[in-house]
Amino acid sequence: MKKILVACLTLLVVMSGLLLAQDTVRVKPAYLHSGKIGLGLDGITGSPNLLLKYFFNNQLAMQVIVGLDLDVPGGSAPANFVKVTGVTVRGGLSLLFHISQEQVSPYVGIEGVFQYTKQGGILPVAYDPKNSVVGNAVLGAEYFLNEMFTIGIRQAIGANIQLKRDLPKEETSIKLNTSTLVTGRFYFN
């Protein structure tokens, strides 16, 4: 009888230990990890940029930024005017450091973007394209709806260096600016 009682008590202790272990050991979702790749948009309400984000580890990420705007004027140009299709092409890189790897993941970083702009419309003469280089400090956060989808907001502050052009005559100028953008992203892994 003693042996059966000791065996039952041992079984009870082992089973309760296993049940408690299941309650205390909870696996958190791996929101950020090395090799994670995401595809997204920023400036969702305006002219968006396409974003491709790659994580080197669970905190450091690189982001490729690509954007395009087209301005196609309607109608015909009157005499002594030209009809010019406008285009703006943006391309750049960001280096972002995520402060935490939780469901809300704030980050800081830097970014550089080159922008080529050709003014469109019905003009007396086709203007030279305008090139600019934008450098920003970035502060933002992503909210993981689940492990694959995020929404976020980012604030950038920096300088827009507009390079000189001949027609119309403009010298190199520097503008200090800020921007706030809403982002959406899908992570593949």
N, C-alpha and C. Protein backbone atom coordinates (compact mmCIF):
# COMPACT_ATOMS: atom_id res chain seq x y z
N MET A 1 0.80 -1.17 0.00
CA MET A 1 0.00 0.00 0.00
C MET A 1 0.86 1.25 0.00
N LYS A 2 1.97 1.20 0.82
CA LYS A 2 2.87 2.35 0.85
C LYS A 2 3.45 2.62 -0.53
N LYS A 3 3.79 1.54 -1.25
CA LYS A 3 4.39 1.72 -2.57
C LYS A 3 3.40 2.36 -3.54
N ILE A 4 2.14 2.00 -3.47
CA ILE A 4 1.13 2.58 -4.36
C ILE A 4 0.93 4.05 -4.01
N LEU A 5 0.91 4.41 -2.74
CA LEU A 5 0.75 5.80 -2.30
C LEU A 5 1.93 6.64 -2.74
N VAL A 6 3.15 6.14 -2.59
CA VAL A 6 4.35 6.87 -3.04
C VAL A 6 4.33 7.04 -4.55
N ALA A 7 3.93 6.02 -5.28
CA ALA A 7 3.86 6.10 -6.74
C ALA A 7 2.81 7.13 -7.17
N CYS A 8 1.67 7.17 -6.50
CA CYS A 8 0.61 8.14 -6.83
C CYS A 8 1.08 9.57 -6.52
N LEU A 9 1.72 9.77 -5.38
CA LEU A 9 2.24 11.10 -5.03
C LEU A 9 3.30 11.55 -6.02
N THR A 10 4.18 10.64 -6.41
CA THR A 10 5.22 10.97 -7.39
C THR A 10 4.58 11.34 -8.72
N LEU A 11 3.60 10.57 -9.15
CA LEU A 11 2.90 10.86 -10.40
C LEU A 11 2.18 12.21 -10.32
N LEU A 12 1.57 12.51 -9.17
CA LEU A 12 0.88 13.78 -8.98
C LEU A 12 1.84 14.96 -9.04
N VAL A 13 3.01 14.84 -8.43
CA VAL A 13 4.02 15.90 -8.45
C VAL A 13 4.54 16.11 -9.87
N VAL A 14 4.83 15.04 -10.58
CA VAL A 14 5.33 15.15 -11.95
C VAL A 14 4.28 15.78 -12.86
N MET A 15 3.04 15.35 -12.77
CA MET A 15 1.96 15.88 -13.62
C MET A 15 1.71 17.36 -13.32
N SER A 16 1.70 17.74 -12.04
CA SER A 16 1.47 19.15 -11.70
C SER A 16 2.63 20.01 -12.19
N GLY A 17 3.84 19.47 -12.12
CA GLY A 17 4.99 20.21 -12.64
C GLY A 17 4.89 20.43 -14.15
N LEU A 18 4.45 19.41 -14.87
CA LEU A 18 4.27 19.56 -16.32
C LEU A 18 3.16 20.55 -16.65
N LEU A 19 2.05 20.52 -15.92
CA LEU A 19 0.95 21.45 -16.17
C LEU A 19 1.37 22.89 -15.87
N LEU A 20 2.08 23.11 -14.79
CA LEU A 20 2.55 24.46 -14.45
C LEU A 20 3.58 24.94 -15.46
N ALA A 21 4.41 24.06 -15.95
CA ALA A 21 5.42 24.44 -16.94
C ALA A 21 4.75 24.92 -18.23
N GLN A 22 3.64 24.29 -18.60
CA GLN A 22 2.94 24.73 -19.81
C GLN A 22 2.34 26.11 -19.63
N ASP A 23 1.91 26.46 -18.42
CA ASP A 23 1.34 27.78 -18.18
C ASP A 23 2.40 28.87 -18.12
N THR A 24 3.57 28.57 -17.64
CA THR A 24 4.58 29.61 -17.47
C THR A 24 5.49 29.78 -18.68
N VAL A 25 5.60 28.79 -19.53
CA VAL A 25 6.46 28.90 -20.70
C VAL A 25 5.58 29.26 -21.89
N ARG A 26 5.61 30.52 -22.26
CA ARG A 26 4.82 30.98 -23.41
C ARG A 26 5.78 31.53 -24.45
N VAL A 27 5.58 31.10 -25.65
CA VAL A 27 6.46 31.54 -26.73
C VAL A 27 5.89 32.82 -27.33
N LYS A 28 6.70 33.88 -27.31
CA LYS A 28 6.29 35.14 -27.92
C LYS A 28 6.50 35.05 -29.43
N PRO A 29 5.65 35.73 -30.20
CA PRO A 29 5.88 35.74 -31.65
C PRO A 29 7.21 36.41 -31.97
N ALA A 30 7.88 35.94 -32.99
CA ALA A 30 9.16 36.52 -33.40
C ALA A 30 8.86 37.66 -34.38
N TYR A 31 8.56 38.84 -33.83
CA TYR A 31 8.22 39.97 -34.69
C TYR A 31 9.41 40.39 -35.54
N LEU A 32 10.60 40.46 -34.96
CA LEU A 32 11.79 40.87 -35.69
C LEU A 32 12.87 39.81 -35.55
N HIS A 33 13.52 39.49 -36.67
CA HIS A 33 14.61 38.53 -36.62
C HIS A 33 15.49 38.73 -37.84
N SER A 34 16.67 38.16 -37.78
CA SER A 34 17.62 38.25 -38.88
C SER A 34 17.03 37.64 -40.14
N GLY A 35 17.17 38.36 -41.27
CA GLY A 35 16.68 37.87 -42.54
C GLY A 35 15.23 38.20 -42.84
N LYS A 36 14.54 38.87 -41.92
CA LYS A 36 13.13 39.23 -42.14
C LYS A 36 13.06 40.26 -43.27
N ILE A 37 12.13 40.06 -44.22
CA ILE A 37 11.99 40.93 -45.38
C ILE A 37 10.55 41.43 -45.44
N GLY A 38 10.40 42.76 -45.62
CA GLY A 38 9.08 43.35 -45.70
C GLY A 38 8.94 44.25 -46.91
N LEU A 39 7.75 44.28 -47.48
CA LEU A 39 7.43 45.13 -48.61
C LEU A 39 6.28 46.04 -48.18
N GLY A 40 6.44 47.35 -48.40
CA GLY A 40 5.41 48.26 -47.93
C GLY A 40 5.33 49.55 -48.71
N LEU A 41 4.45 50.43 -48.22
CA LEU A 41 4.23 51.75 -48.79
C LEU A 41 4.29 52.78 -47.68
N ASP A 42 4.78 53.99 -48.02
CA ASP A 42 4.64 55.11 -47.11
C ASP A 42 3.95 56.24 -47.85
N GLY A 43 3.49 57.22 -47.13
CA GLY A 43 2.77 58.30 -47.78
C GLY A 43 1.53 57.77 -48.46
N ILE A 44 0.82 56.89 -47.79
CA ILE A 44 -0.30 56.18 -48.38
C ILE A 44 -1.36 57.15 -48.92
N THR A 45 -1.53 58.30 -48.30
CA THR A 45 -2.56 59.24 -48.73
C THR A 45 -2.11 60.14 -49.88
N GLY A 46 -0.82 60.24 -50.12
CA GLY A 46 -0.32 61.08 -51.21
C GLY A 46 0.31 60.22 -52.28
N SER A 47 1.45 60.67 -52.80
CA SER A 47 2.19 59.89 -53.78
C SER A 47 3.10 58.94 -53.01
N PRO A 48 2.76 57.65 -52.96
CA PRO A 48 3.50 56.74 -52.09
C PRO A 48 4.86 56.34 -52.64
N ASN A 49 5.72 55.94 -51.74
CA ASN A 49 6.99 55.31 -52.07
C ASN A 49 6.85 53.82 -51.78
N LEU A 50 7.51 53.01 -52.58
CA LEU A 50 7.59 51.58 -52.34
C LEU A 50 8.80 51.34 -51.44
N LEU A 51 8.61 50.54 -50.39
CA LEU A 51 9.65 50.30 -49.39
C LEU A 51 9.99 48.81 -49.33
N LEU A 52 11.25 48.49 -49.36
CA LEU A 52 11.72 47.12 -49.20
C LEU A 52 12.67 47.11 -48.00
N LYS A 53 12.28 46.41 -46.94
CA LYS A 53 13.04 46.42 -45.69
C LYS A 53 13.65 45.05 -45.44
N TYR A 54 14.92 45.04 -45.03
CA TYR A 54 15.64 43.80 -44.74
C TYR A 54 16.32 43.95 -43.38
N PHE A 55 16.13 42.96 -42.50
CA PHE A 55 16.75 42.97 -41.17
C PHE A 55 18.06 42.19 -41.18
N PHE A 56 19.14 42.85 -40.77
CA PHE A 56 20.44 42.19 -40.61
C PHE A 56 20.46 41.34 -39.35
N ASN A 57 19.80 41.83 -38.30
CA ASN A 57 19.60 41.08 -37.06
C ASN A 57 18.24 41.51 -36.51
N ASN A 58 17.95 41.24 -35.24
CA ASN A 58 16.63 41.56 -34.73
C ASN A 58 16.43 43.04 -34.39
N GLN A 59 17.43 43.89 -34.65
CA GLN A 59 17.28 45.32 -34.40
C GLN A 59 17.69 46.19 -35.58
N LEU A 60 18.68 45.82 -36.34
CA LEU A 60 19.23 46.66 -37.40
C LEU A 60 18.65 46.26 -38.76
N ALA A 61 18.08 47.27 -39.46
CA ALA A 61 17.46 47.01 -40.76
C ALA A 61 17.89 48.05 -41.78
N MET A 62 17.91 47.63 -43.04
CA MET A 62 18.15 48.52 -44.17
C MET A 62 16.87 48.58 -44.98
N GLN A 63 16.57 49.76 -45.50
CA GLN A 63 15.35 49.93 -46.28
C GLN A 63 15.66 50.62 -47.60
N VAL A 64 15.18 50.06 -48.69
CA VAL A 64 15.31 50.66 -50.02
C VAL A 64 14.01 51.42 -50.30
N ILE A 65 14.15 52.66 -50.78
CA ILE A 65 13.01 53.54 -51.04
C ILE A 65 12.97 53.84 -52.54
N VAL A 66 11.81 53.63 -53.17
CA VAL A 66 11.63 53.93 -54.60
C VAL A 66 10.27 54.59 -54.78
N GLY A 67 10.25 55.70 -55.53
CA GLY A 67 8.98 56.39 -55.78
C GLY A 67 8.92 56.98 -57.18
N LEU A 68 7.71 57.18 -57.68
CA LEU A 68 7.51 57.70 -59.03
C LEU A 68 6.23 58.52 -59.06
N ASP A 69 6.30 59.73 -59.65
CA ASP A 69 5.13 60.57 -59.92
C ASP A 69 5.13 60.90 -61.39
N LEU A 70 3.94 60.89 -62.00
CA LEU A 70 3.80 61.29 -63.40
C LEU A 70 2.81 62.43 -63.50
N ASP A 71 3.09 63.41 -64.36
CA ASP A 71 2.21 64.54 -64.62
C ASP A 71 2.00 64.61 -66.13
N VAL A 72 0.85 64.11 -66.59
CA VAL A 72 0.55 64.07 -68.02
C VAL A 72 -0.52 65.12 -68.30
N PRO A 73 -0.12 66.24 -68.90
CA PRO A 73 -1.10 67.29 -69.17
C PRO A 73 -2.05 66.89 -70.31
N GLY A 74 -3.28 67.36 -70.22
CA GLY A 74 -4.26 67.07 -71.26
C GLY A 74 -4.31 68.20 -72.28
N GLY A 75 -4.97 67.96 -73.36
CA GLY A 75 -5.14 68.97 -74.39
C GLY A 75 -3.91 69.14 -75.26
N SER A 76 -4.00 70.14 -76.13
CA SER A 76 -2.90 70.44 -77.05
C SER A 76 -2.24 71.75 -76.65
N ALA A 77 -0.98 71.87 -76.98
CA ALA A 77 -0.24 73.10 -76.67
C ALA A 77 -0.56 74.15 -77.74
N PRO A 78 -0.85 75.38 -77.33
CA PRO A 78 -1.06 76.44 -78.32
C PRO A 78 0.26 76.79 -79.01
N ALA A 79 0.17 77.65 -79.99
CA ALA A 79 1.37 78.07 -80.74
C ALA A 79 2.40 78.68 -79.79
N ASN A 80 3.65 78.39 -80.04
CA ASN A 80 4.80 78.88 -79.26
C ASN A 80 4.87 78.28 -77.85
N PHE A 81 4.16 77.20 -77.58
CA PHE A 81 4.23 76.50 -76.30
C PHE A 81 4.52 75.03 -76.57
N VAL A 82 5.05 74.34 -75.57
CA VAL A 82 5.31 72.90 -75.69
C VAL A 82 4.56 72.16 -74.58
N LYS A 83 4.10 70.99 -74.93
CA LYS A 83 3.44 70.12 -73.95
C LYS A 83 4.49 69.15 -73.42
N VAL A 84 4.74 69.21 -72.10
CA VAL A 84 5.80 68.42 -71.48
C VAL A 84 5.18 67.48 -70.44
N THR A 85 5.48 66.20 -70.56
CA THR A 85 5.07 65.24 -69.55
C THR A 85 6.07 65.32 -68.39
N GLY A 86 5.54 65.56 -67.21
CA GLY A 86 6.40 65.69 -66.03
C GLY A 86 6.60 64.35 -65.36
N VAL A 87 7.74 64.21 -64.73
CA VAL A 87 8.06 62.98 -64.02
C VAL A 87 8.94 63.32 -62.82
N THR A 88 8.69 62.62 -61.73
CA THR A 88 9.57 62.69 -60.55
C THR A 88 9.93 61.26 -60.18
N VAL A 89 11.22 60.99 -60.06
CA VAL A 89 11.72 59.66 -59.69
C VAL A 89 12.54 59.81 -58.42
N ARG A 90 12.24 58.99 -57.41
CA ARG A 90 12.95 59.02 -56.14
C ARG A 90 13.59 57.66 -55.87
N GLY A 91 14.78 57.67 -55.29
CA GLY A 91 15.44 56.44 -54.89
C GLY A 91 16.36 56.72 -53.72
N GLY A 92 16.36 55.84 -52.73
CA GLY A 92 17.21 56.08 -51.58
C GLY A 92 17.35 54.87 -50.67
N LEU A 93 18.09 55.07 -49.59
CA LEU A 93 18.34 54.04 -48.59
C LEU A 93 18.14 54.60 -47.20
N SER A 94 17.66 53.75 -46.30
CA SER A 94 17.54 54.07 -44.88
C SER A 94 18.29 53.02 -44.08
N LEU A 95 18.86 53.42 -42.98
CA LEU A 95 19.44 52.50 -42.01
C LEU A 95 18.67 52.74 -40.72
N LEU A 96 17.97 51.71 -40.23
CA LEU A 96 17.05 51.86 -39.11
C LEU A 96 17.45 50.93 -37.96
N PHE A 97 17.35 51.46 -36.74
CA PHE A 97 17.65 50.68 -35.53
C PHE A 97 16.37 50.57 -34.72
N HIS A 98 15.82 49.34 -34.59
CA HIS A 98 14.61 49.12 -33.81
C HIS A 98 14.99 49.00 -32.34
N ILE A 99 14.36 49.82 -31.53
CA ILE A 99 14.69 49.89 -30.10
C ILE A 99 14.17 48.66 -29.36
N SER A 100 13.00 48.15 -29.75
CA SER A 100 12.48 46.94 -29.12
C SER A 100 11.94 46.01 -30.20
N GLN A 101 11.74 44.77 -29.82
CA GLN A 101 11.24 43.77 -30.75
C GLN A 101 9.85 43.29 -30.33
N GLU A 102 9.09 44.15 -29.70
CA GLU A 102 7.76 43.81 -29.23
C GLU A 102 6.72 44.08 -30.31
N GLN A 103 5.44 43.96 -29.95
CA GLN A 103 4.37 44.20 -30.91
C GLN A 103 4.39 45.65 -31.41
N VAL A 104 4.73 46.60 -30.55
CA VAL A 104 4.98 47.98 -30.96
C VAL A 104 6.49 48.14 -30.98
N SER A 105 7.06 48.40 -32.15
CA SER A 105 8.50 48.45 -32.30
C SER A 105 8.94 49.85 -32.76
N PRO A 106 9.35 50.71 -31.80
CA PRO A 106 9.86 52.03 -32.19
C PRO A 106 11.26 51.91 -32.78
N TYR A 107 11.61 52.87 -33.67
CA TYR A 107 12.92 52.85 -34.29
C TYR A 107 13.42 54.26 -34.54
N VAL A 108 14.75 54.36 -34.69
CA VAL A 108 15.43 55.60 -35.09
C VAL A 108 16.34 55.25 -36.26
N GLY A 109 16.70 56.27 -37.04
CA GLY A 109 17.57 55.97 -38.16
C GLY A 109 17.94 57.19 -38.97
N ILE A 110 18.61 56.93 -40.08
CA ILE A 110 18.99 57.97 -41.02
C ILE A 110 18.61 57.48 -42.42
N GLU A 111 18.37 58.45 -43.32
CA GLU A 111 18.07 58.08 -44.69
C GLU A 111 18.60 59.12 -45.66
N GLY A 112 18.88 58.67 -46.86
CA GLY A 112 19.30 59.55 -47.94
C GLY A 112 18.51 59.19 -49.19
N VAL A 113 17.98 60.22 -49.88
CA VAL A 113 17.15 60.00 -51.07
C VAL A 113 17.60 60.95 -52.16
N PHE A 114 17.77 60.43 -53.38
CA PHE A 114 18.03 61.26 -54.55
C PHE A 114 16.73 61.40 -55.32
N GLN A 115 16.42 62.63 -55.76
CA GLN A 115 15.18 62.88 -56.48
C GLN A 115 15.45 63.64 -57.77
N TYR A 116 14.90 63.13 -58.88
CA TYR A 116 14.98 63.75 -60.21
C TYR A 116 13.58 64.23 -60.56
N THR A 117 13.44 65.54 -60.86
CA THR A 117 12.13 66.10 -61.18
C THR A 117 12.18 66.86 -62.49
N LYS A 118 11.30 66.47 -63.41
CA LYS A 118 11.12 67.19 -64.67
C LYS A 118 9.71 67.78 -64.63
N GLN A 119 9.63 69.11 -64.67
CA GLN A 119 8.34 69.78 -64.55
C GLN A 119 7.48 69.53 -65.77
N GLY A 120 6.21 69.21 -65.53
CA GLY A 120 5.29 68.96 -66.62
C GLY A 120 4.28 70.08 -66.78
N GLY A 121 3.64 70.12 -67.94
CA GLY A 121 2.60 71.10 -68.21
C GLY A 121 2.74 71.63 -69.62
N ILE A 122 1.99 72.69 -69.89
CA ILE A 122 2.10 73.39 -71.17
C ILE A 122 2.91 74.65 -70.90
N LEU A 123 4.14 74.65 -71.40
CA LEU A 123 5.13 75.65 -71.03
C LEU A 123 5.66 76.37 -72.28
N PRO A 124 6.19 77.59 -72.09
CA PRO A 124 6.78 78.29 -73.24
C PRO A 124 8.03 77.57 -73.74
N VAL A 125 8.74 76.89 -72.87
CA VAL A 125 9.93 76.14 -73.21
C VAL A 125 10.09 75.02 -72.18
N ALA A 126 10.62 73.86 -72.58
CA ALA A 126 10.83 72.75 -71.64
C ALA A 126 11.96 73.12 -70.67
N TYR A 127 11.64 73.05 -69.39
CA TYR A 127 12.63 73.39 -68.37
C TYR A 127 13.62 72.24 -68.17
N ASP A 128 14.81 72.60 -67.67
CA ASP A 128 15.78 71.59 -67.28
C ASP A 128 15.25 70.81 -66.08
N PRO A 129 15.62 69.55 -65.96
CA PRO A 129 15.21 68.80 -64.77
C PRO A 129 15.85 69.38 -63.51
N LYS A 130 15.19 69.16 -62.39
CA LYS A 130 15.68 69.62 -61.10
C LYS A 130 16.07 68.39 -60.29
N ASN A 131 17.30 68.36 -59.81
CA ASN A 131 17.79 67.26 -59.00
C ASN A 131 17.96 67.72 -57.57
N SER A 132 17.66 66.83 -56.64
CA SER A 132 17.84 67.18 -55.23
C SER A 132 18.28 65.94 -54.45
N VAL A 133 18.95 66.20 -53.35
CA VAL A 133 19.40 65.16 -52.42
C VAL A 133 18.79 65.49 -51.06
N VAL A 134 18.12 64.51 -50.48
CA VAL A 134 17.46 64.69 -49.19
C VAL A 134 18.15 63.81 -48.16
N GLY A 135 18.55 64.39 -47.05
CA GLY A 135 19.12 63.64 -45.93
C GLY A 135 18.28 63.88 -44.69
N ASN A 136 17.84 62.81 -44.03
CA ASN A 136 16.94 62.94 -42.88
C ASN A 136 17.38 62.10 -41.69
N ALA A 137 17.03 62.58 -40.52
CA ALA A 137 17.01 61.76 -39.31
C ALA A 137 15.58 61.27 -39.18
N VAL A 138 15.38 60.01 -38.82
CA VAL A 138 14.06 59.40 -38.83
C VAL A 138 13.73 58.86 -37.44
N LEU A 139 12.49 59.07 -37.02
CA LEU A 139 11.95 58.51 -35.78
C LEU A 139 10.59 57.93 -36.12
N GLY A 140 10.34 56.67 -35.77
CA GLY A 140 9.07 56.07 -36.12
C GLY A 140 8.75 54.86 -35.28
N ALA A 141 7.65 54.21 -35.61
CA ALA A 141 7.23 53.00 -34.91
C ALA A 141 6.36 52.17 -35.85
N GLU A 142 6.46 50.85 -35.69
CA GLU A 142 5.60 49.92 -36.41
C GLU A 142 4.77 49.17 -35.39
N TYR A 143 3.50 48.99 -35.69
CA TYR A 143 2.60 48.19 -34.86
C TYR A 143 2.29 46.91 -35.63
N PHE A 144 2.66 45.77 -35.05
CA PHE A 144 2.44 44.48 -35.69
C PHE A 144 1.01 44.01 -35.41
N LEU A 145 0.16 44.02 -36.44
CA LEU A 145 -1.19 43.48 -36.30
C LEU A 145 -1.12 41.98 -36.05
N ASN A 146 -0.15 41.35 -36.70
CA ASN A 146 0.24 39.96 -36.46
C ASN A 146 1.70 39.87 -36.90
N GLU A 147 2.24 38.69 -37.10
CA GLU A 147 3.66 38.58 -37.44
C GLU A 147 3.98 39.04 -38.86
N MET A 148 2.96 39.25 -39.71
CA MET A 148 3.20 39.57 -41.11
C MET A 148 2.76 40.98 -41.52
N PHE A 149 1.78 41.58 -40.85
CA PHE A 149 1.26 42.87 -41.26
C PHE A 149 1.52 43.94 -40.20
N THR A 150 1.96 45.13 -40.66
CA THR A 150 2.18 46.24 -39.74
C THR A 150 1.57 47.51 -40.31
N ILE A 151 1.23 48.41 -39.40
CA ILE A 151 0.94 49.79 -39.75
C ILE A 151 1.90 50.62 -38.91
N GLY A 152 2.24 51.79 -39.40
CA GLY A 152 3.21 52.58 -38.66
C GLY A 152 3.12 54.05 -38.99
N ILE A 153 3.94 54.79 -38.30
CA ILE A 153 4.06 56.21 -38.54
C ILE A 153 5.53 56.56 -38.40
N ARG A 154 5.98 57.50 -39.24
CA ARG A 154 7.38 57.91 -39.15
C ARG A 154 7.48 59.41 -39.33
N GLN A 155 8.36 60.00 -38.57
CA GLN A 155 8.64 61.43 -38.62
C GLN A 155 10.08 61.60 -39.07
N ALA A 156 10.28 62.47 -40.07
CA ALA A 156 11.63 62.74 -40.58
C ALA A 156 11.91 64.22 -40.46
N ILE A 157 13.14 64.55 -40.12
CA ILE A 157 13.59 65.93 -40.09
C ILE A 157 14.95 65.96 -40.77
N GLY A 158 15.12 66.92 -41.68
CA GLY A 158 16.39 66.93 -42.39
C GLY A 158 16.53 68.09 -43.35
N ALA A 159 17.40 67.89 -44.32
CA ALA A 159 17.73 68.93 -45.30
C ALA A 159 17.48 68.41 -46.70
N ASN A 160 16.94 69.30 -47.55
CA ASN A 160 16.70 69.01 -48.97
C ASN A 160 17.64 69.93 -49.74
N ILE A 161 18.68 69.37 -50.34
CA ILE A 161 19.66 70.15 -51.10
C ILE A 161 19.24 70.11 -52.56
N GLN A 162 18.75 71.23 -53.07
CA GLN A 162 18.29 71.33 -54.45
C GLN A 162 19.45 71.86 -55.29
N LEU A 163 19.89 71.04 -56.23
CA LEU A 163 21.07 71.36 -57.04
C LEU A 163 20.72 72.38 -58.12
N LYS A 164 21.73 73.12 -58.58
CA LYS A 164 21.50 74.19 -59.54
C LYS A 164 21.08 73.65 -60.90
N ARG A 165 20.38 74.51 -61.65
CA ARG A 165 20.00 74.19 -63.02
C ARG A 165 20.02 75.49 -63.84
N ASP A 166 20.06 75.37 -65.16
CA ASP A 166 20.23 76.53 -66.03
C ASP A 166 18.91 77.15 -66.47
N LEU A 167 17.88 76.34 -66.75
CA LEU A 167 16.63 76.89 -67.27
C LEU A 167 15.46 76.34 -66.48
N PRO A 168 14.76 77.08 -65.70
CA PRO A 168 15.06 78.46 -65.32
C PRO A 168 16.29 78.50 -64.42
N LYS A 169 16.97 79.60 -64.42
CA LYS A 169 18.23 79.75 -63.69
C LYS A 169 17.98 79.64 -62.19
N GLU A 170 18.56 78.62 -61.58
CA GLU A 170 18.45 78.42 -60.13
C GLU A 170 19.79 77.97 -59.61
N GLU A 171 20.20 78.54 -58.52
CA GLU A 171 21.43 78.13 -57.84
C GLU A 171 21.12 77.03 -56.83
N THR A 172 22.14 76.36 -56.35
CA THR A 172 21.96 75.34 -55.32
C THR A 172 21.38 75.99 -54.07
N SER A 173 20.36 75.36 -53.52
CA SER A 173 19.74 75.88 -52.30
C SER A 173 19.49 74.74 -51.33
N ILE A 174 19.39 75.10 -50.09
CA ILE A 174 19.15 74.11 -49.03
C ILE A 174 17.87 74.51 -48.30
N LYS A 175 16.98 73.53 -48.17
CA LYS A 175 15.73 73.72 -47.43
C LYS A 175 15.73 72.74 -46.26
N LEU A 176 15.39 73.23 -45.08
CA LEU A 176 15.21 72.36 -43.93
C LEU A 176 13.73 71.98 -43.89
N ASN A 177 13.46 70.70 -43.69
CA ASN A 177 12.06 70.28 -43.73
C ASN A 177 11.78 69.13 -42.78
N THR A 178 10.50 68.94 -42.51
CA THR A 178 10.02 67.80 -41.73
C THR A 178 8.91 67.13 -42.52
N SER A 179 8.68 65.88 -42.25
CA SER A 179 7.57 65.16 -42.88
C SER A 179 7.08 64.07 -41.93
N THR A 180 5.79 63.83 -41.98
CA THR A 180 5.17 62.76 -41.22
C THR A 180 4.42 61.87 -42.20
N LEU A 181 4.71 60.59 -42.17
CA LEU A 181 4.11 59.65 -43.12
C LEU A 181 3.52 58.45 -42.39
N VAL A 182 2.40 57.97 -42.90
CA VAL A 182 1.80 56.72 -42.43
C VAL A 182 2.36 55.61 -43.31
N THR A 183 2.66 54.47 -42.71
CA THR A 183 3.22 53.35 -43.47
C THR A 183 2.37 52.09 -43.29
N GLY A 184 2.45 51.23 -44.26
CA GLY A 184 1.85 49.90 -44.18
C GLY A 184 2.84 48.90 -44.75
N ARG A 185 2.92 47.72 -44.16
CA ARG A 185 3.95 46.79 -44.61
C ARG A 185 3.48 45.34 -44.45
N PHE A 186 3.92 44.48 -45.39
CA PHE A 186 3.70 43.05 -45.35
C PHE A 186 5.06 42.37 -45.24
N TYR A 187 5.25 41.54 -44.23
CA TYR A 187 6.49 40.79 -44.05
C TYR A 187 6.31 39.36 -44.57
N PHE A 188 7.26 38.92 -45.38
CA PHE A 188 7.20 37.61 -46.00
C PHE A 188 7.55 36.48 -45.04
N ASN A 189 8.43 36.74 -44.09
CA ASN A 189 8.89 35.67 -43.20
C ASN A 189 9.01 36.16 -41.77
